[in-house]
Protein backbone atom coordinates (compact mmCIF):
# COMPACT_ATOMS: atom_id res chain seq x y z
CA UNK A 1 19.35 -6.62 -24.55
CA UNK A 2 17.22 -3.54 -24.90
CA UNK A 3 16.68 -0.95 -22.19
CA UNK A 4 13.04 -1.95 -21.95
CA UNK A 5 13.95 -5.61 -21.35
CA UNK A 6 16.51 -4.61 -18.73
CA UNK A 7 14.01 -2.39 -16.91
CA UNK A 8 11.31 -5.07 -16.86
CA UNK A 9 13.87 -7.55 -15.56
CA UNK A 10 14.92 -5.13 -12.83
CA UNK A 11 11.30 -4.46 -11.87
CA UNK A 12 10.67 -8.21 -11.68
CA UNK A 13 13.81 -8.77 -9.60
CA UNK A 14 12.84 -5.90 -7.29
CA UNK A 15 9.42 -7.44 -6.64
CA UNK A 16 10.85 -10.94 -6.14
CA UNK A 17 13.64 -9.66 -3.87
CA UNK A 18 11.29 -7.68 -1.67
CA UNK A 19 8.89 -10.63 -1.53
CA UNK A 20 11.77 -12.87 -0.41
CA UNK A 21 12.84 -10.30 2.17
CA UNK A 22 9.30 -10.06 3.56
CA UNK A 23 9.14 -13.86 3.74
CA UNK A 24 12.37 -13.87 5.72
CA UNK A 25 10.96 -11.16 8.00
CA UNK A 26 7.78 -13.14 8.58
CA UNK A 27 9.28 -16.59 9.07
CA UNK A 28 12.63 -16.15 10.81
CA UNK A 29 12.79 -14.97 14.38
CA UNK A 30 15.89 -12.94 15.23
CA UNK A 31 15.89 -14.44 18.72
CA UNK A 32 16.22 -18.03 17.54
CA UNK A 33 17.94 -17.46 14.18
CA UNK A 34 21.42 -18.74 13.57
CA UNK A 35 23.93 -17.39 11.09
CA UNK A 36 21.91 -18.70 8.14
CA UNK A 37 18.85 -16.67 9.12
CA UNK A 38 20.85 -13.48 9.41
CA UNK A 39 22.61 -14.14 6.10
CA UNK A 40 19.23 -14.65 4.40
CA UNK A 41 17.97 -11.41 5.90
CA UNK A 42 20.98 -9.37 4.78
CA UNK A 43 21.31 -10.95 1.33
CA UNK A 44 17.65 -10.57 0.42
CA UNK A 45 17.69 -6.99 1.68
CA UNK A 46 20.85 -6.30 -0.31
CA UNK A 47 19.36 -7.64 -3.55
CA UNK A 48 16.08 -5.79 -2.99
CA UNK A 49 17.83 -2.50 -2.29
CA UNK A 50 20.27 -2.91 -5.16
CA UNK A 51 17.48 -3.38 -7.68
CA UNK A 52 15.35 -0.61 -6.16
CA UNK A 53 18.21 1.90 -6.03
CA UNK A 54 19.27 0.95 -9.55
CA UNK A 55 15.80 1.60 -10.91
CA UNK A 56 15.48 4.89 -9.06
CA UNK A 57 18.98 5.92 -10.11
CA UNK A 58 18.31 5.14 -13.75
CA UNK A 59 15.06 7.07 -13.67
CA UNK A 60 16.77 10.12 -12.12
CA UNK A 61 19.75 9.92 -14.47
CA UNK A 62 17.44 9.68 -17.47
CA UNK A 63 15.54 12.77 -16.32
CA UNK A 64 18.66 14.80 -15.56
CA UNK A 65 20.99 13.67 -18.37
CA UNK A 66 18.61 13.35 -21.30
CA UNK A 67 21.33 13.69 -23.93
CA UNK A 68 23.56 10.85 -22.71
CA UNK A 69 23.46 7.27 -23.96
CA UNK A 70 21.03 5.15 -21.94
CA UNK A 71 23.31 2.11 -21.74
CA UNK A 72 25.95 4.18 -19.94
CA UNK A 73 23.29 5.47 -17.57
CA UNK A 74 22.17 1.91 -16.82
CA UNK A 75 25.72 0.86 -15.97
CA UNK A 76 26.33 3.83 -13.69
CA UNK A 77 22.91 3.56 -12.05
CA UNK A 78 23.44 -0.14 -11.30
CA UNK A 79 26.89 0.44 -9.82
CA UNK A 80 25.69 3.33 -7.69
CA UNK A 81 22.62 1.36 -6.62
CA UNK A 82 24.86 -1.48 -5.53
CA UNK A 83 27.12 0.90 -3.61
CA UNK A 84 24.11 2.45 -1.87
CA UNK A 85 22.83 -1.00 -0.94
CA UNK A 86 26.28 -2.01 0.35
CA UNK A 87 26.35 1.16 2.45
CA UNK A 88 22.88 0.63 3.86
CA UNK A 89 23.32 -3.08 4.61
CA UNK A 90 26.85 -2.59 5.90
CA UNK A 91 25.72 0.06 8.36
CA UNK A 92 22.83 -2.19 9.37
CA UNK A 93 25.24 -5.07 10.02
CA UNK A 94 27.46 -2.80 12.11
CA UNK A 95 24.41 -1.69 14.08
CA UNK A 96 23.31 -5.28 14.58
CA UNK A 97 26.74 -6.11 15.98
CA UNK A 98 26.66 -3.00 18.19
CA UNK A 99 29.76 -1.65 16.43
CA UNK A 100 28.17 1.37 14.77
CA UNK A 101 29.28 4.76 15.98
CA UNK A 102 29.87 8.04 14.20
CA UNK A 103 33.48 7.19 13.34
CA UNK A 104 32.84 3.73 11.94
CA UNK A 105 29.88 5.08 9.93
CA UNK A 106 32.01 7.93 8.58
CA UNK A 107 34.87 5.66 7.51
CA UNK A 108 32.50 3.07 6.04
CA UNK A 109 30.71 5.69 3.94
CA UNK A 110 34.06 7.28 3.02
CA UNK A 111 35.31 3.91 1.78
CA UNK A 112 32.24 3.46 -0.43
CA UNK A 113 32.57 7.02 -1.78
CA UNK A 114 36.25 6.44 -2.59
CA UNK A 115 35.30 3.25 -4.42
CA UNK A 116 32.75 5.17 -6.51
CA UNK A 117 35.32 7.86 -7.32
CA UNK A 118 37.73 5.12 -8.38
CA UNK A 119 35.20 3.78 -10.88
CA UNK A 120 34.37 7.28 -12.11
CA UNK A 121 38.04 8.14 -12.68
CA UNK A 122 38.77 4.73 -14.20
CA UNK A 123 36.39 5.49 -17.09
């Protein structure tokens, strides 16, 4: 797969994911939604944010690290985009459950940062 094909696929998945998320926002009421409605909300948001953050991360990495191989930048940008989406959605879930405070947010973000360092060192 070429970089151009990957980027067009990610752009398409970003548009589809955000469209699905907006459909969930429009059609599911949080007052009457059961577990399935909340799962749809969080999963569609996760996929939309993962693809968006991956595209933005790849664009920034390509601008900053022009001399590096693009396939490595794609891999790192996707992983970091997924970690950012996990962080955002995870904090949103904690807030929805009224469990978010400064300590839980700190340890949640610390866990995600440690995971990223693990993957950086593993290479």
